[in-house]
Amino acid sequence: MTQLTYILILAFTATFTNCSPKTDNSVTSKIEQKQDKDLSKYTKTVFASGCFWCVEAIFESVEGVEEAISGYAGGTAAQANYSDVSIGITDHAEAVEVYYDPTVVSYETLLIVFFGSQDPTTLNQQGPDRGRQYRSSIFYKDDVEKTVAEAYIARLTKEEIYNQPITTTLEPLTKFYKAEEYHQNYEARNPNQGYVKGVSVPRLNRFKKKHPELLNKKSAH
């Protein structure tokens, strides 16, 4: 194997297996960036379960969810950006802020989405992504969310839904930092990117197959 061939293999592997911003510019240029809109009438909550590209796409497929924004939560640093979070020096997790209509979809249903679209037994790991920044975590904003989440986890544990203990953490939400614009709608904007094709889209499709009753009209087709 020549050195050039080895380098090309490494580059392909990194593109396929990592939640890293290697953008398909030909597609991104044809899709509008996520526009600011009035979300004040919606309830918001924050979840983390691996690469936020995957999590954002999953929640945006759910009926009653108006918007999902990729970002960072749970860290100890006063600021958060991708270059720091991705190497784990701030203790933030890649997270998604979900805006939803509680008259259409309940918080407990969002917990079904959360647990039904990941493996919550792999500590600090989701698929090929490893590290505290990819941990499974529920960032509760008040005691109501905390109580509902605790009860749901207790039920999953009692019913032995998983073969291994659930490692999902419950953390109080102190601050959510919106991620850089190029991370927003990443899966839709970059369908030909290696990680999206090999990891993100299959993860979304597994969720859609598992919970077709939760999908909005656009995602059901």
N, C-alpha and C. Protein backbone atom coordinates (compact mmCIF):
# COMPACT_ATOMS: atom_id res chain seq x y z
N MET A 1 0.84 -1.19 0.00
CA MET A 1 0.00 0.00 0.00
C MET A 1 0.88 1.25 0.00
N THR A 2 0.65 2.13 -0.94
CA THR A 2 1.43 3.37 -1.00
C THR A 2 0.99 4.33 0.09
N GLN A 3 1.85 5.28 0.41
CA GLN A 3 1.51 6.27 1.43
C GLN A 3 0.29 7.07 1.03
N LEU A 4 0.15 7.41 -0.26
CA LEU A 4 -0.99 8.18 -0.74
C LEU A 4 -2.28 7.39 -0.55
N THR A 5 -2.25 6.09 -0.88
CA THR A 5 -3.44 5.26 -0.70
C THR A 5 -3.85 5.20 0.76
N TYR A 6 -2.87 5.08 1.65
CA TYR A 6 -3.14 5.02 3.08
C TYR A 6 -3.78 6.31 3.57
N ILE A 7 -3.28 7.43 3.10
CA ILE A 7 -3.84 8.74 3.50
C ILE A 7 -5.27 8.87 3.02
N LEU A 8 -5.55 8.43 1.79
CA LEU A 8 -6.90 8.51 1.25
C LEU A 8 -7.86 7.64 2.04
N ILE A 9 -7.42 6.46 2.45
CA ILE A 9 -8.28 5.57 3.26
C ILE A 9 -8.59 6.21 4.60
N LEU A 10 -7.58 6.80 5.23
CA LEU A 10 -7.80 7.46 6.52
C LEU A 10 -8.79 8.61 6.37
N ALA A 11 -8.66 9.39 5.30
CA ALA A 11 -9.56 10.52 5.09
C ALA A 11 -10.98 10.06 4.90
N PHE A 12 -11.17 8.97 4.13
CA PHE A 12 -12.52 8.45 3.90
C PHE A 12 -13.12 7.94 5.19
N THR A 13 -12.32 7.23 5.98
CA THR A 13 -12.81 6.67 7.25
C THR A 13 -13.23 7.77 8.19
N ALA A 14 -12.43 8.84 8.31
CA ALA A 14 -12.77 9.95 9.20
C ALA A 14 -14.05 10.62 8.77
N THR A 15 -14.22 10.78 7.46
CA THR A 15 -15.43 11.42 6.95
C THR A 15 -16.67 10.60 7.27
N PHE A 16 -16.55 9.29 7.21
CA PHE A 16 -17.70 8.41 7.40
C PHE A 16 -18.07 8.25 8.87
N THR A 17 -17.05 8.22 9.74
CA THR A 17 -17.32 7.80 11.11
C THR A 17 -17.40 8.92 12.12
N ASN A 18 -17.09 10.15 11.75
CA ASN A 18 -17.06 11.21 12.74
C ASN A 18 -18.11 12.27 12.47
N CYS A 19 -18.67 12.79 13.58
CA CYS A 19 -19.61 13.90 13.50
C CYS A 19 -18.79 15.17 13.35
N SER A 20 -18.19 15.34 12.19
CA SER A 20 -17.32 16.49 11.94
C SER A 20 -17.83 17.25 10.73
N PRO A 21 -17.68 18.58 10.71
CA PRO A 21 -18.32 19.42 9.70
C PRO A 21 -17.66 19.42 8.34
N LYS A 22 -17.71 18.30 7.65
CA LYS A 22 -17.22 18.25 6.28
C LYS A 22 -18.44 18.42 5.38
N THR A 23 -18.62 19.61 4.87
CA THR A 23 -19.86 20.01 4.22
C THR A 23 -19.85 19.73 2.72
N ASP A 24 -21.01 19.28 2.22
CA ASP A 24 -21.23 19.16 0.78
C ASP A 24 -21.73 20.51 0.29
N ASN A 25 -20.81 21.36 -0.14
CA ASN A 25 -21.16 22.74 -0.46
C ASN A 25 -22.14 22.85 -1.63
N SER A 26 -22.11 21.88 -2.54
CA SER A 26 -23.00 21.93 -3.69
C SER A 26 -24.45 21.83 -3.27
N VAL A 27 -24.70 21.12 -2.16
CA VAL A 27 -26.06 20.98 -1.66
C VAL A 27 -26.42 22.12 -0.73
N THR A 28 -25.48 22.48 0.15
CA THR A 28 -25.74 23.54 1.10
C THR A 28 -26.15 24.84 0.41
N SER A 29 -25.54 25.14 -0.71
CA SER A 29 -25.83 26.39 -1.40
C SER A 29 -27.25 26.44 -1.93
N LYS A 30 -27.89 25.27 -2.08
CA LYS A 30 -29.22 25.22 -2.65
C LYS A 30 -30.32 25.21 -1.59
N ILE A 31 -29.93 25.11 -0.31
CA ILE A 31 -30.91 25.03 0.77
C ILE A 31 -30.75 26.25 1.67
N GLU A 32 -31.84 26.89 1.96
CA GLU A 32 -31.79 28.09 2.79
C GLU A 32 -31.34 27.74 4.20
N GLN A 33 -30.62 28.64 4.79
CA GLN A 33 -30.23 28.47 6.18
C GLN A 33 -31.47 28.59 7.06
N LYS A 34 -31.36 27.97 8.24
CA LYS A 34 -32.47 28.02 9.18
C LYS A 34 -32.78 29.47 9.53
N GLN A 35 -33.99 29.88 9.24
CA GLN A 35 -34.37 31.28 9.45
C GLN A 35 -34.85 31.51 10.88
N ASP A 36 -34.55 32.69 11.40
CA ASP A 36 -35.07 33.06 12.70
C ASP A 36 -36.58 33.24 12.59
N LYS A 37 -37.30 32.66 13.51
CA LYS A 37 -38.75 32.81 13.50
C LYS A 37 -39.24 32.90 14.93
N ASP A 38 -40.45 33.37 15.09
CA ASP A 38 -41.01 33.55 16.41
C ASP A 38 -41.41 32.20 17.00
N LEU A 39 -40.67 31.77 18.00
CA LEU A 39 -40.95 30.49 18.66
C LEU A 39 -41.47 30.70 20.08
N SER A 40 -41.87 31.93 20.38
CA SER A 40 -42.23 32.28 21.75
C SER A 40 -43.46 31.53 22.28
N LYS A 41 -44.32 31.09 21.38
CA LYS A 41 -45.54 30.41 21.83
C LYS A 41 -45.32 28.91 22.08
N TYR A 42 -44.11 28.44 21.79
CA TYR A 42 -43.82 27.02 21.96
C TYR A 42 -43.07 26.76 23.26
N THR A 43 -43.23 25.55 23.77
CA THR A 43 -42.46 25.11 24.94
C THR A 43 -41.14 24.54 24.45
N LYS A 44 -40.09 24.76 25.21
CA LYS A 44 -38.78 24.26 24.77
C LYS A 44 -38.14 23.37 25.83
N THR A 45 -37.37 22.43 25.37
CA THR A 45 -36.64 21.52 26.24
C THR A 45 -35.39 21.07 25.53
N VAL A 46 -34.43 20.52 26.28
CA VAL A 46 -33.12 20.21 25.70
C VAL A 46 -32.75 18.75 25.97
N PHE A 47 -32.29 18.08 24.90
CA PHE A 47 -31.84 16.70 24.98
C PHE A 47 -30.47 16.56 24.32
N ALA A 48 -29.73 15.54 24.75
CA ALA A 48 -28.46 15.20 24.11
C ALA A 48 -28.37 13.68 24.00
N SER A 49 -28.02 13.21 22.81
CA SER A 49 -27.83 11.76 22.64
C SER A 49 -26.93 11.49 21.45
N GLY A 50 -25.72 12.01 21.53
CA GLY A 50 -24.77 11.82 20.45
C GLY A 50 -24.71 13.02 19.52
N CYS A 51 -24.29 12.79 18.31
CA CYS A 51 -24.12 13.86 17.33
C CYS A 51 -25.41 14.65 17.14
N PHE A 52 -25.33 15.97 17.28
CA PHE A 52 -26.56 16.77 17.20
C PHE A 52 -27.17 16.81 15.81
N TRP A 53 -26.39 16.50 14.78
CA TRP A 53 -26.99 16.41 13.45
C TRP A 53 -28.09 15.36 13.45
N CYS A 54 -27.78 14.20 14.04
CA CYS A 54 -28.74 13.09 14.10
C CYS A 54 -29.94 13.46 14.95
N VAL A 55 -29.69 13.99 16.13
CA VAL A 55 -30.75 14.27 17.09
C VAL A 55 -31.70 15.34 16.56
N GLU A 56 -31.14 16.37 15.94
CA GLU A 56 -31.97 17.43 15.37
C GLU A 56 -32.93 16.87 14.32
N ALA A 57 -32.41 16.05 13.41
CA ALA A 57 -33.23 15.48 12.34
C ALA A 57 -34.34 14.59 12.89
N ILE A 58 -34.03 13.85 13.93
CA ILE A 58 -35.03 12.96 14.52
C ILE A 58 -36.17 13.75 15.13
N PHE A 59 -35.86 14.74 15.96
CA PHE A 59 -36.94 15.50 16.60
C PHE A 59 -37.74 16.30 15.59
N GLU A 60 -37.10 16.77 14.53
CA GLU A 60 -37.84 17.53 13.53
C GLU A 60 -38.76 16.65 12.69
N SER A 61 -38.66 15.35 12.84
CA SER A 61 -39.56 14.44 12.13
C SER A 61 -40.84 14.15 12.93
N VAL A 62 -40.92 14.68 14.14
CA VAL A 62 -42.01 14.35 15.06
C VAL A 62 -43.16 15.35 14.97
N GLU A 63 -44.38 14.84 14.92
CA GLU A 63 -45.57 15.69 14.90
C GLU A 63 -45.65 16.50 16.19
N GLY A 64 -45.85 17.80 16.05
CA GLY A 64 -45.94 18.69 17.20
C GLY A 64 -44.66 19.43 17.52
N VAL A 65 -43.56 19.01 16.91
CA VAL A 65 -42.28 19.71 17.08
C VAL A 65 -42.15 20.76 15.98
N GLU A 66 -42.03 21.99 16.38
CA GLU A 66 -41.93 23.09 15.41
C GLU A 66 -40.50 23.32 14.94
N GLU A 67 -39.55 23.15 15.85
CA GLU A 67 -38.16 23.44 15.51
C GLU A 67 -37.23 22.68 16.45
N ALA A 68 -36.07 22.32 15.96
CA ALA A 68 -35.01 21.75 16.77
C ALA A 68 -33.71 22.44 16.39
N ILE A 69 -33.01 22.95 17.37
CA ILE A 69 -31.81 23.74 17.12
C ILE A 69 -30.60 23.04 17.73
N SER A 70 -29.58 22.82 16.94
CA SER A 70 -28.36 22.18 17.42
C SER A 70 -27.55 23.16 18.27
N GLY A 71 -26.95 22.65 19.33
CA GLY A 71 -26.16 23.50 20.19
C GLY A 71 -25.41 22.72 21.25
N TYR A 72 -25.11 23.40 22.35
CA TYR A 72 -24.28 22.82 23.40
C TYR A 72 -24.90 23.11 24.76
N ALA A 73 -24.83 22.14 25.67
CA ALA A 73 -25.38 22.31 27.01
C ALA A 73 -24.59 21.47 28.01
N GLY A 74 -24.69 21.86 29.27
CA GLY A 74 -24.14 21.05 30.34
C GLY A 74 -22.68 21.24 30.66
N GLY A 75 -22.03 22.21 30.08
CA GLY A 75 -20.61 22.38 30.31
C GLY A 75 -20.27 23.28 31.48
N THR A 76 -19.01 23.31 31.80
CA THR A 76 -18.53 24.13 32.90
C THR A 76 -17.94 25.45 32.42
N ALA A 77 -17.60 25.52 31.15
CA ALA A 77 -17.01 26.74 30.60
C ALA A 77 -18.09 27.79 30.36
N ALA A 78 -17.69 29.05 30.37
CA ALA A 78 -18.65 30.14 30.20
C ALA A 78 -19.10 30.30 28.77
N GLN A 79 -18.37 29.74 27.83
CA GLN A 79 -18.73 29.81 26.42
C GLN A 79 -18.63 28.42 25.80
N ALA A 80 -19.24 28.25 24.64
CA ALA A 80 -19.16 26.96 23.96
C ALA A 80 -19.07 27.18 22.45
N ASN A 81 -18.18 26.47 21.81
CA ASN A 81 -18.08 26.48 20.36
C ASN A 81 -17.62 25.10 19.93
N TYR A 82 -17.79 24.81 18.64
CA TYR A 82 -17.54 23.45 18.17
C TYR A 82 -16.08 23.02 18.36
N SER A 83 -15.15 23.89 18.11
CA SER A 83 -13.75 23.51 18.19
C SER A 83 -13.37 23.06 19.60
N ASP A 84 -13.94 23.68 20.63
CA ASP A 84 -13.65 23.30 22.01
C ASP A 84 -14.48 22.10 22.47
N VAL A 85 -15.78 22.13 22.15
CA VAL A 85 -16.67 21.05 22.59
C VAL A 85 -16.28 19.73 21.95
N SER A 86 -15.92 19.76 20.68
CA SER A 86 -15.63 18.52 19.95
C SER A 86 -14.43 17.76 20.48
N ILE A 87 -13.53 18.46 21.18
CA ILE A 87 -12.39 17.76 21.78
C ILE A 87 -12.55 17.59 23.29
N GLY A 88 -13.72 17.96 23.80
CA GLY A 88 -14.08 17.65 25.17
C GLY A 88 -13.45 18.49 26.26
N ILE A 89 -13.04 19.71 25.96
CA ILE A 89 -12.35 20.50 26.98
C ILE A 89 -13.29 21.41 27.78
N THR A 90 -14.58 21.47 27.42
CA THR A 90 -15.51 22.33 28.15
C THR A 90 -16.55 21.55 28.94
N ASP A 91 -16.63 20.24 28.73
CA ASP A 91 -17.61 19.33 29.33
C ASP A 91 -19.03 19.56 28.82
N HIS A 92 -19.20 20.39 27.79
CA HIS A 92 -20.51 20.51 27.17
C HIS A 92 -20.82 19.25 26.37
N ALA A 93 -22.10 19.00 26.19
CA ALA A 93 -22.54 17.93 25.30
C ALA A 93 -23.13 18.56 24.04
N GLU A 94 -22.97 17.89 22.92
CA GLU A 94 -23.71 18.29 21.74
C GLU A 94 -25.18 18.02 22.05
N ALA A 95 -26.01 19.05 21.97
CA ALA A 95 -27.40 18.94 22.40
C ALA A 95 -28.33 19.60 21.39
N VAL A 96 -29.61 19.37 21.59
CA VAL A 96 -30.62 19.96 20.71
C VAL A 96 -31.72 20.59 21.56
N GLU A 97 -32.03 21.84 21.23
CA GLU A 97 -33.12 22.55 21.89
C GLU A 97 -34.38 22.33 21.06
N VAL A 98 -35.36 21.67 21.65
CA VAL A 98 -36.57 21.28 20.94
C VAL A 98 -37.71 22.22 21.30
N TYR A 99 -38.33 22.81 20.28
CA TYR A 99 -39.50 23.67 20.47
C TYR A 99 -40.73 22.88 20.03
N TYR A 100 -41.69 22.72 20.94
CA TYR A 100 -42.84 21.88 20.63
C TYR A 100 -44.14 22.46 21.16
N ASP A 101 -45.23 21.97 20.58
CA ASP A 101 -46.57 22.38 20.98
C ASP A 101 -47.11 21.33 21.94
N PRO A 102 -47.22 21.64 23.23
CA PRO A 102 -47.65 20.64 24.22
C PRO A 102 -49.10 20.20 24.05
N THR A 103 -49.87 20.92 23.22
CA THR A 103 -51.24 20.47 22.95
C THR A 103 -51.25 19.38 21.88
N VAL A 104 -50.11 19.19 21.23
CA VAL A 104 -50.00 18.18 20.18
C VAL A 104 -49.12 17.01 20.61
N VAL A 105 -48.01 17.33 21.25
CA VAL A 105 -47.08 16.30 21.70
C VAL A 105 -46.64 16.62 23.13
N SER A 106 -46.71 15.63 23.99
CA SER A 106 -46.38 15.83 25.40
C SER A 106 -44.89 15.66 25.65
N TYR A 107 -44.46 16.13 26.81
CA TYR A 107 -43.05 15.96 27.19
C TYR A 107 -42.72 14.48 27.31
N GLU A 108 -43.62 13.69 27.85
CA GLU A 108 -43.37 12.25 27.97
C GLU A 108 -43.21 11.61 26.59
N THR A 109 -43.98 12.07 25.61
CA THR A 109 -43.82 11.54 24.26
C THR A 109 -42.45 11.91 23.70
N LEU A 110 -41.97 13.09 24.03
CA LEU A 110 -40.62 13.47 23.60
C LEU A 110 -39.57 12.56 24.25
N LEU A 111 -39.85 12.07 25.45
CA LEU A 111 -38.96 11.10 26.09
C LEU A 111 -38.98 9.78 25.33
N ILE A 112 -40.14 9.41 24.80
CA ILE A 112 -40.22 8.21 23.97
C ILE A 112 -39.34 8.38 22.73
N VAL A 113 -39.40 9.58 22.14
CA VAL A 113 -38.55 9.89 20.98
C VAL A 113 -37.08 9.81 21.37
N PHE A 114 -36.76 10.41 22.48
CA PHE A 114 -35.38 10.46 22.96
C PHE A 114 -34.80 9.06 23.16
N PHE A 115 -35.50 8.24 23.94
CA PHE A 115 -34.97 6.91 24.21
C PHE A 115 -35.14 5.96 23.02
N GLY A 116 -36.15 6.20 22.21
CA GLY A 116 -36.42 5.32 21.08
C GLY A 116 -35.54 5.56 19.88
N SER A 117 -34.64 6.53 19.97
CA SER A 117 -33.78 6.86 18.83
C SER A 117 -32.29 6.75 19.16
N GLN A 118 -31.96 6.04 20.22
CA GLN A 118 -30.57 5.93 20.63
C GLN A 118 -30.37 4.65 21.43
N ASP A 119 -29.12 4.39 21.83
CA ASP A 119 -28.81 3.35 22.80
C ASP A 119 -28.39 4.06 24.08
N PRO A 120 -29.28 4.13 25.08
CA PRO A 120 -28.96 4.87 26.31
C PRO A 120 -28.11 4.09 27.30
N THR A 121 -27.57 2.95 26.88
CA THR A 121 -26.75 2.13 27.78
C THR A 121 -25.26 2.25 27.48
N THR A 122 -24.90 2.99 26.44
CA THR A 122 -23.49 3.14 26.10
C THR A 122 -22.97 4.45 26.70
N LEU A 123 -22.19 4.35 27.73
CA LEU A 123 -21.73 5.53 28.47
C LEU A 123 -20.82 6.40 27.60
N ASN A 124 -21.19 7.67 27.49
CA ASN A 124 -20.38 8.65 26.75
C ASN A 124 -20.08 8.17 25.33
N GLN A 125 -21.06 7.55 24.72
CA GLN A 125 -20.88 7.08 23.35
C GLN A 125 -22.24 6.92 22.69
N GLN A 126 -22.29 7.26 21.42
CA GLN A 126 -23.46 6.98 20.60
C GLN A 126 -22.96 6.62 19.21
N GLY A 127 -23.11 5.35 18.86
CA GLY A 127 -22.58 4.89 17.59
C GLY A 127 -21.08 5.06 17.55
N PRO A 128 -20.54 5.64 16.48
CA PRO A 128 -19.09 5.80 16.36
C PRO A 128 -18.51 6.97 17.13
N ASP A 129 -19.37 7.79 17.72
CA ASP A 129 -18.92 9.00 18.41
C ASP A 129 -18.71 8.71 19.90
N ARG A 130 -17.52 9.02 20.38
CA ARG A 130 -17.18 8.72 21.77
C ARG A 130 -16.64 9.96 22.48
N GLY A 131 -16.95 10.05 23.77
CA GLY A 131 -16.49 11.16 24.59
C GLY A 131 -17.66 11.78 25.34
N ARG A 132 -17.36 12.51 26.39
CA ARG A 132 -18.40 13.14 27.21
C ARG A 132 -19.29 14.07 26.39
N GLN A 133 -18.74 14.63 25.33
CA GLN A 133 -19.52 15.55 24.50
C GLN A 133 -20.64 14.82 23.74
N TYR A 134 -20.59 13.49 23.71
CA TYR A 134 -21.63 12.70 23.04
C TYR A 134 -22.48 11.90 24.02
N ARG A 135 -22.48 12.31 25.28
CA ARG A 135 -23.23 11.57 26.30
C ARG A 135 -24.74 11.69 26.09
N SER A 136 -25.44 10.71 26.62
CA SER A 136 -26.89 10.74 26.62
C SER A 136 -27.34 11.49 27.87
N SER A 137 -28.06 12.59 27.67
CA SER A 137 -28.45 13.40 28.82
C SER A 137 -29.77 14.13 28.58
N ILE A 138 -30.55 14.22 29.64
CA ILE A 138 -31.78 15.01 29.64
C ILE A 138 -31.49 16.26 30.46
N PHE A 139 -31.58 17.42 29.83
CA PHE A 139 -31.33 18.68 30.51
C PHE A 139 -32.68 19.28 30.92
N TYR A 140 -33.04 19.06 32.17
CA TYR A 140 -34.36 19.49 32.64
C TYR A 140 -34.33 20.95 33.07
N LYS A 141 -35.43 21.66 32.76
CA LYS A 141 -35.48 23.09 33.09
C LYS A 141 -36.17 23.35 34.41
N ASP A 142 -36.91 22.34 34.92
CA ASP A 142 -37.61 22.52 36.20
C ASP A 142 -37.88 21.16 36.83
N ASP A 143 -38.47 21.18 38.04
CA ASP A 143 -38.72 19.94 38.77
C ASP A 143 -39.77 19.06 38.08
N VAL A 144 -40.65 19.67 37.32
CA VAL A 144 -41.67 18.89 36.62
C VAL A 144 -41.00 17.98 35.58
N GLU A 145 -40.15 18.57 34.75
CA GLU A 145 -39.44 17.77 33.75
C GLU A 145 -38.58 16.71 34.41
N LYS A 146 -37.91 17.08 35.48
CA LYS A 146 -37.05 16.12 36.18
C LYS A 146 -37.85 14.94 36.70
N THR A 147 -38.99 15.21 37.32
CA THR A 147 -39.83 14.16 37.88
C THR A 147 -40.37 13.22 36.80
N VAL A 148 -40.83 13.80 35.70
CA VAL A 148 -41.36 12.99 34.59
C VAL A 148 -40.25 12.12 34.00
N ALA A 149 -39.07 12.69 33.81
CA ALA A 149 -37.95 11.94 33.25
C ALA A 149 -37.50 10.83 34.19
N GLU A 150 -37.43 11.11 35.48
CA GLU A 150 -37.04 10.09 36.44
C GLU A 150 -38.04 8.93 36.44
N ALA A 151 -39.31 9.26 36.38
CA ALA A 151 -40.35 8.23 36.38
C ALA A 151 -40.27 7.38 35.11
N TYR A 152 -39.98 8.02 33.99
CA TYR A 152 -39.90 7.28 32.72
C TYR A 152 -38.69 6.34 32.73
N ILE A 153 -37.56 6.82 33.21
CA ILE A 153 -36.37 5.97 33.30
C ILE A 153 -36.62 4.80 34.25
N ALA A 154 -37.29 5.07 35.37
CA ALA A 154 -37.61 4.01 36.33
C ALA A 154 -38.49 2.94 35.69
N ARG A 155 -39.42 3.38 34.84
CA ARG A 155 -40.31 2.43 34.17
C ARG A 155 -39.54 1.58 33.17
N LEU A 156 -38.65 2.21 32.40
CA LEU A 156 -37.84 1.46 31.45
C LEU A 156 -36.98 0.43 32.17
N THR A 157 -36.45 0.83 33.32
CA THR A 157 -35.60 -0.07 34.10
C THR A 157 -36.41 -1.23 34.66
N LYS A 158 -37.58 -0.94 35.21
CA LYS A 158 -38.43 -1.97 35.80
C LYS A 158 -38.89 -2.98 34.76
N GLU A 159 -39.20 -2.48 33.57
CA GLU A 159 -39.68 -3.36 32.50
C GLU A 159 -38.54 -4.05 31.75
N GLU A 160 -37.30 -3.76 32.17
CA GLU A 160 -36.11 -4.38 31.59
C GLU A 160 -36.10 -4.24 30.06
N ILE A 161 -36.34 -3.03 29.61
CA ILE A 161 -36.35 -2.74 28.17
C ILE A 161 -34.97 -2.94 27.56
N TYR A 162 -33.94 -2.67 28.35
CA TYR A 162 -32.57 -2.79 27.87
C TYR A 162 -31.83 -3.88 28.65
N ASN A 163 -30.87 -4.51 28.00
CA ASN A 163 -30.10 -5.58 28.63
C ASN A 163 -29.04 -5.06 29.58
N GLN A 164 -28.68 -3.79 29.40
CA GLN A 164 -27.67 -3.16 30.24
C GLN A 164 -28.28 -1.96 30.96
N PRO A 165 -27.67 -1.51 32.06
CA PRO A 165 -28.20 -0.35 32.80
C PRO A 165 -28.22 0.92 31.93
N ILE A 166 -29.23 1.74 32.12
CA ILE A 166 -29.33 3.02 31.43
C ILE A 166 -28.29 3.98 32.01
N THR A 167 -27.52 4.60 31.17
CA THR A 167 -26.47 5.52 31.62
C THR A 167 -26.83 6.98 31.38
N THR A 168 -28.02 7.24 30.87
CA THR A 168 -28.48 8.60 30.62
C THR A 168 -28.43 9.42 31.91
N THR A 169 -27.89 10.61 31.82
CA THR A 169 -27.82 11.48 32.99
C THR A 169 -28.96 12.50 32.96
N LEU A 170 -29.36 12.95 34.12
CA LEU A 170 -30.29 14.07 34.25
C LEU A 170 -29.51 15.24 34.80
N GLU A 171 -29.46 16.32 34.04
CA GLU A 171 -28.68 17.49 34.42
C GLU A 171 -29.55 18.74 34.36
N PRO A 172 -29.45 19.60 35.34
CA PRO A 172 -30.21 20.85 35.28
C PRO A 172 -29.70 21.72 34.14
N LEU A 173 -30.62 22.30 33.40
CA LEU A 173 -30.23 23.17 32.29
C LEU A 173 -29.86 24.54 32.83
N THR A 174 -28.61 24.92 32.64
CA THR A 174 -28.16 26.23 33.09
C THR A 174 -28.04 27.21 31.91
N LYS A 175 -27.61 26.68 30.77
CA LYS A 175 -27.43 27.52 29.60
C LYS A 175 -27.38 26.65 28.35
N PHE A 176 -28.04 27.11 27.29
CA PHE A 176 -27.96 26.45 26.00
C PHE A 176 -27.32 27.41 25.02
N TYR A 177 -26.27 26.95 24.35
CA TYR A 177 -25.58 27.76 23.35
C TYR A 177 -25.92 27.22 21.97
N LYS A 178 -26.48 28.05 21.13
CA LYS A 178 -26.76 27.63 19.76
C LYS A 178 -25.46 27.37 19.02
N ALA A 179 -25.41 26.28 18.29
CA ALA A 179 -24.22 25.93 17.52
C ALA A 179 -24.07 26.82 16.30
N GLU A 180 -22.92 26.77 15.72
CA GLU A 180 -22.60 27.54 14.53
C GLU A 180 -23.61 27.23 13.42
N GLU A 181 -23.85 28.21 12.55
CA GLU A 181 -24.90 28.07 11.54
C GLU A 181 -24.71 26.86 10.64
N TYR A 182 -23.48 26.50 10.35
CA TYR A 182 -23.27 25.39 9.42
C TYR A 182 -23.70 24.04 10.01
N HIS A 183 -23.94 24.00 11.32
CA HIS A 183 -24.44 22.77 11.94
C HIS A 183 -25.97 22.66 11.86
N GLN A 184 -26.65 23.76 11.64
CA GLN A 184 -28.11 23.74 11.63
C GLN A 184 -28.63 23.07 10.35
N ASN A 185 -29.65 22.19 10.53
CA ASN A 185 -30.21 21.46 9.38
C ASN A 185 -29.13 20.71 8.62
N TYR A 186 -28.13 20.24 9.32
CA TYR A 186 -26.96 19.67 8.65
C TYR A 186 -27.31 18.46 7.80
N GLU A 187 -28.14 17.58 8.34
CA GLU A 187 -28.47 16.37 7.59
C GLU A 187 -29.19 16.69 6.28
N ALA A 188 -30.14 17.62 6.34
CA ALA A 188 -30.89 18.00 5.14
C ALA A 188 -30.01 18.74 4.14
N ARG A 189 -29.08 19.52 4.65
CA ARG A 189 -28.24 20.34 3.78
C ARG A 189 -27.06 19.58 3.19
N ASN A 190 -26.73 18.44 3.78
CA ASN A 190 -25.55 17.69 3.34
C ASN A 190 -25.84 16.20 3.20
N PRO A 191 -26.80 15.83 2.37
CA PRO A 191 -27.21 14.42 2.28
C PRO A 191 -26.14 13.49 1.74
N ASN A 192 -25.14 14.02 1.06
CA ASN A 192 -24.11 13.17 0.47
C ASN A 192 -22.84 13.09 1.31
N GLN A 193 -22.84 13.76 2.46
CA GLN A 193 -21.68 13.70 3.35
C GLN A 193 -21.58 12.28 3.93
N GLY A 194 -20.37 11.77 4.09
CA GLY A 194 -20.17 10.39 4.49
C GLY A 194 -20.84 9.99 5.79
N TYR A 195 -20.67 10.81 6.82
CA TYR A 195 -21.27 10.49 8.11
C TYR A 195 -22.80 10.53 8.03
N VAL A 196 -23.32 11.50 7.32
CA VAL A 196 -24.77 11.63 7.17
C VAL A 196 -25.34 10.38 6.50
N LYS A 197 -24.71 9.95 5.41
CA LYS A 197 -25.20 8.78 4.67
C LYS A 197 -25.01 7.49 5.46
N GLY A 198 -23.89 7.39 6.17
CA GLY A 198 -23.57 6.14 6.83
C GLY A 198 -24.07 5.99 8.25
N VAL A 199 -24.33 7.11 8.93
CA VAL A 199 -24.72 7.05 10.34
C VAL A 199 -26.03 7.79 10.61
N SER A 200 -26.08 9.06 10.22
CA SER A 200 -27.21 9.91 10.59
C SER A 200 -28.53 9.47 9.94
N VAL A 201 -28.53 9.28 8.63
CA VAL A 201 -29.76 8.87 7.95
C VAL A 201 -30.23 7.49 8.39
N PRO A 202 -29.34 6.49 8.50
CA PRO A 202 -29.79 5.19 9.00
C PRO A 202 -30.39 5.28 10.42
N ARG A 203 -29.82 6.13 11.26
CA ARG A 203 -30.36 6.30 12.61
C ARG A 203 -31.76 6.89 12.55
N LEU A 204 -31.96 7.89 11.71
CA LEU A 204 -33.28 8.48 11.54
C LEU A 204 -34.27 7.44 11.01
N ASN A 205 -33.85 6.66 10.04
CA ASN A 205 -34.75 5.67 9.46
C ASN A 205 -35.12 4.57 10.45
N ARG A 206 -34.20 4.21 11.33
CA ARG A 206 -34.53 3.22 12.37
C ARG A 206 -35.60 3.76 13.30
N PHE A 207 -35.47 5.04 13.65
CA PHE A 207 -36.48 5.65 14.51
C PHE A 207 -37.83 5.70 13.81
N LYS A 208 -37.84 6.11 12.56
CA LYS A 208 -39.10 6.21 11.80
C LYS A 208 -39.79 4.86 11.68
N LYS A 209 -39.01 3.82 11.50
CA LYS A 209 -39.57 2.47 11.41
C LYS A 209 -40.11 2.01 12.76
N LYS A 210 -39.46 2.41 13.83
CA LYS A 210 -39.85 2.00 15.18
C LYS A 210 -41.07 2.74 15.67
N HIS A 211 -41.18 4.03 15.32
CA HIS A 211 -42.29 4.86 15.82
C HIS A 211 -42.97 5.63 14.70
N PRO A 212 -43.58 4.95 13.75
CA PRO A 212 -44.26 5.65 12.65
C PRO A 212 -45.44 6.49 13.12
N GLU A 213 -46.01 6.12 14.26
CA GLU A 213 -47.16 6.84 14.78
C GLU A 213 -46.81 8.23 15.29
N LEU A 214 -45.53 8.52 15.47
CA LEU A 214 -45.10 9.82 16.01
C LEU A 214 -44.66 10.80 14.93
N LEU A 215 -44.63 10.35 13.69
CA LEU A 215 -44.07 11.17 12.62
C LEU A 215 -45.05 12.22 12.11
N ASN A 216 -44.49 13.38 11.70
CA ASN A 216 -45.32 14.37 11.02
C ASN A 216 -45.54 13.94 9.57
N LYS A 217 -46.41 14.64 8.87
CA LYS A 217 -46.80 14.22 7.53
C LYS A 217 -45.61 14.21 6.57
N LYS A 218 -44.73 15.19 6.71
CA LYS A 218 -43.57 15.27 5.82
C LYS A 218 -42.65 14.08 5.98
N SER A 219 -42.46 13.63 7.21
CA SER A 219 -41.52 12.55 7.48
C SER A 219 -42.12 11.17 7.31
N ALA A 220 -43.43 11.09 7.29
CA ALA A 220 -44.10 9.80 7.19
C ALA A 220 -43.98 9.19 5.80
N HIS A 221 -43.61 10.00 4.81
CA HIS A 221 -43.54 9.51 3.43
C HIS A 221 -42.13 9.11 3.06
